[in-house]
Amino acid sequence: MDTIQADGFKFDTGPTIVMMPDIYKKSFADTGVNYEDYFTMIRVNPFMDVWTDGEKIPLSSDLADIAKVFEAQGETEMLGFLKYLTDIYGKYINAKNNFIYQSFRGPRDFFNLKTLWHAYQLKTFSSSYAAIKKIFQVLTYSI
């Protein structure tokens, strides 16, 4: 998504900071530094807009509120939303357990059948938009 560079350090502000801010907090805590001295994390609400039939619908960062939006679009959309949550949560668990919290000290730690299979399951070479369009019938999105 982006990077922050300051004082010779480079920080990735990609999906891990959005999905798992505790990873960043822990890195600072492990060094005895308060992350709040360097940046502030703010929950964004709404976090994304979707459109249906030309109507812009802001999506809340509250799961119950999002579910109401999809239920209002019909059973197919709500079912698609639940399938999407299941898929993306599975990818989250895979990434967390097999990559983010893993140490790769050498090529063999990464380039083995088990790790490559987990990497393949993440489907990192396809876009979020492509995944969303496979599941939802009437909605398109923009961040």
Protein backbone atom coordinates (compact mmCIF):
# COMPACT_ATOMS: atom_id res chain seq x y z
CA MET A 1 0.00 0.00 0.00
CA ASP A 2 2.66 2.49 0.99
CA THR A 3 5.83 3.06 2.99
CA ILE A 4 6.93 5.62 5.54
CA GLN A 5 10.62 6.59 5.54
CA ALA A 6 12.16 8.61 8.35
CA ASP A 7 15.59 8.89 9.98
CA GLY A 8 17.02 6.06 7.87
CA PHE A 9 14.19 3.64 8.69
CA LYS A 10 11.57 2.29 6.33
CA PHE A 11 8.13 1.08 7.48
CA ASP A 12 5.69 -0.90 5.36
CA THR A 13 2.12 0.38 5.75
CA GLY A 14 0.71 -2.51 3.75
CA PRO A 15 -2.07 -4.89 4.74
CA THR A 16 -0.34 -6.11 7.92
CA ILE A 17 -0.63 -2.69 9.54
CA VAL A 18 -4.32 -2.59 8.63
CA MET A 19 -5.10 -6.17 9.59
CA MET A 20 -2.67 -6.70 12.45
CA PRO A 21 -1.54 -3.48 14.08
CA ASP A 22 -0.30 -5.48 17.08
CA ILE A 23 2.67 -6.63 14.98
CA TYR A 24 3.84 -3.03 14.70
CA LYS A 25 3.05 -2.27 18.32
CA LYS A 26 5.04 -5.33 19.44
CA SER A 27 8.10 -4.33 17.39
CA PHE A 28 8.21 -1.00 19.18
CA ALA A 29 7.45 -2.52 22.60
CA ASP A 30 10.25 -5.09 22.15
CA THR A 31 12.71 -2.21 21.77
CA GLY A 32 11.27 -0.22 24.66
CA VAL A 33 9.91 2.50 22.39
CA ASN A 34 6.35 3.80 22.36
CA TYR A 35 4.98 3.61 18.81
CA GLU A 36 2.66 6.53 19.56
CA ASP A 37 5.74 8.77 19.66
CA TYR A 38 6.13 8.09 15.91
CA PHE A 39 2.66 7.54 14.44
CA THR A 40 -1.00 7.35 15.31
CA MET A 41 -3.34 4.57 14.26
CA ILE A 42 -6.86 5.72 13.54
CA ARG A 43 -9.78 3.46 12.69
CA VAL A 44 -11.26 4.67 9.42
CA ASN A 45 -15.04 4.58 9.18
CA PRO A 46 -16.38 4.19 6.59
CA PHE A 47 -13.39 2.36 5.18
CA MET A 48 -14.62 1.75 1.64
CA ASP A 49 -17.41 2.67 -0.77
CA VAL A 50 -19.40 0.26 -2.92
CA TRP A 51 -21.78 1.08 -5.75
CA THR A 52 -24.95 -0.63 -6.90
CA ASP A 53 -27.02 0.71 -9.77
CA GLY A 54 -25.10 3.99 -9.57
CA GLU A 55 -25.79 4.41 -5.84
CA LYS A 56 -22.74 4.95 -3.63
CA ILE A 57 -22.89 3.01 -0.36
CA PRO A 58 -20.25 3.70 2.32
CA LEU A 59 -19.19 0.55 4.20
CA SER A 60 -18.72 0.79 7.93
CA SER A 61 -15.79 -0.84 9.70
CA ASP A 62 -18.40 -2.47 11.98
CA LEU A 63 -19.23 -6.00 10.82
CA ALA A 64 -22.90 -5.85 11.85
CA ASP A 65 -23.37 -2.61 9.90
CA ILE A 66 -21.73 -4.10 6.79
CA ALA A 67 -23.97 -7.16 7.01
CA LYS A 68 -27.05 -4.91 6.96
CA VAL A 69 -25.85 -3.32 3.72
CA PHE A 70 -25.45 -6.67 2.00
CA GLU A 71 -28.71 -8.06 3.40
CA ALA A 72 -30.51 -5.04 1.93
CA GLN A 73 -29.14 -6.02 -1.50
CA GLY A 74 -30.65 -9.51 -1.25
CA GLU A 75 -29.85 -13.06 -0.24
CA THR A 76 -27.35 -13.62 -3.06
CA GLU A 77 -25.29 -10.61 -2.03
CA MET A 78 -25.39 -11.53 1.66
CA LEU A 79 -24.30 -15.08 0.84
CA GLY A 80 -21.52 -13.67 -1.35
CA PHE A 81 -20.41 -11.41 1.48
CA LEU A 82 -20.23 -14.33 3.92
CA LYS A 83 -18.28 -16.41 1.36
CA TYR A 84 -15.88 -13.49 0.87
CA LEU A 85 -15.36 -13.15 4.64
CA THR A 86 -14.67 -16.87 4.92
CA ASP A 87 -12.16 -16.77 2.06
CA ILE A 88 -10.34 -13.66 3.22
CA TYR A 89 -10.21 -14.83 6.85
CA GLY A 90 -8.69 -18.13 5.72
CA LYS A 91 -6.02 -16.19 3.83
CA TYR A 92 -5.42 -14.04 6.92
CA ILE A 93 -4.81 -17.14 9.08
CA ASN A 94 -2.56 -18.65 6.40
CA ALA A 95 -0.48 -15.46 6.05
CA LYS A 96 -0.22 -14.93 9.81
CA ASN A 97 0.77 -18.48 10.70
CA ASN A 98 2.92 -19.38 7.69
CA PHE A 99 4.61 -16.10 6.75
CA ILE A 100 4.26 -13.19 9.16
CA TYR A 101 5.16 -15.12 12.31
CA GLN A 102 7.70 -17.38 10.54
CA SER A 103 11.42 -16.86 10.34
CA PHE A 104 12.94 -17.47 6.94
CA ARG A 105 16.65 -17.66 7.60
CA GLY A 106 17.63 -19.23 4.31
CA PRO A 107 16.25 -20.20 0.90
CA ARG A 108 15.26 -23.71 2.05
CA ASP A 109 13.06 -22.23 4.76
CA PHE A 110 10.92 -20.65 2.06
CA PHE A 111 11.48 -22.74 -1.06
CA ASN A 112 9.95 -26.02 0.04
CA LEU A 113 6.70 -27.72 -0.96
CA LYS A 114 4.81 -26.88 2.24
CA THR A 115 5.63 -23.16 2.18
CA LEU A 116 5.11 -22.84 -1.56
CA TRP A 117 1.69 -24.50 -1.20
CA HIS A 118 0.73 -21.97 1.50
CA ALA A 119 1.96 -19.14 -0.74
CA TYR A 120 -0.09 -20.45 -3.68
CA GLN A 121 -3.22 -20.56 -1.49
CA LEU A 122 -2.89 -16.82 -0.81
CA LYS A 123 -3.55 -16.06 -4.51
CA THR A 124 -1.30 -13.00 -4.27
CA PHE A 125 -1.10 -12.55 -8.02
CA SER A 126 -4.81 -11.79 -8.41
CA SER A 127 -6.41 -8.48 -7.51
CA SER A 128 -8.94 -7.82 -4.76
CA TYR A 129 -11.28 -6.50 -7.42
CA ALA A 130 -11.15 -9.80 -9.34
CA ALA A 131 -11.94 -11.75 -6.16
CA ILE A 132 -14.82 -9.45 -5.26
CA LYS A 133 -16.34 -9.57 -8.75
CA LYS A 134 -16.43 -13.40 -8.60
CA ILE A 135 -18.52 -13.30 -5.43
CA PHE A 136 -20.80 -10.27 -5.67
CA GLN A 137 -23.43 -9.88 -8.37
CA VAL A 138 -24.37 -6.18 -8.27
CA LEU A 139 -21.68 -4.42 -6.27
CA THR A 140 -18.45 -2.86 -7.43
CA TYR A 141 -16.02 -1.10 -5.14
CA SER A 142 -13.53 1.68 -4.81
CA ILE A 143 -11.29 2.57 -1.91
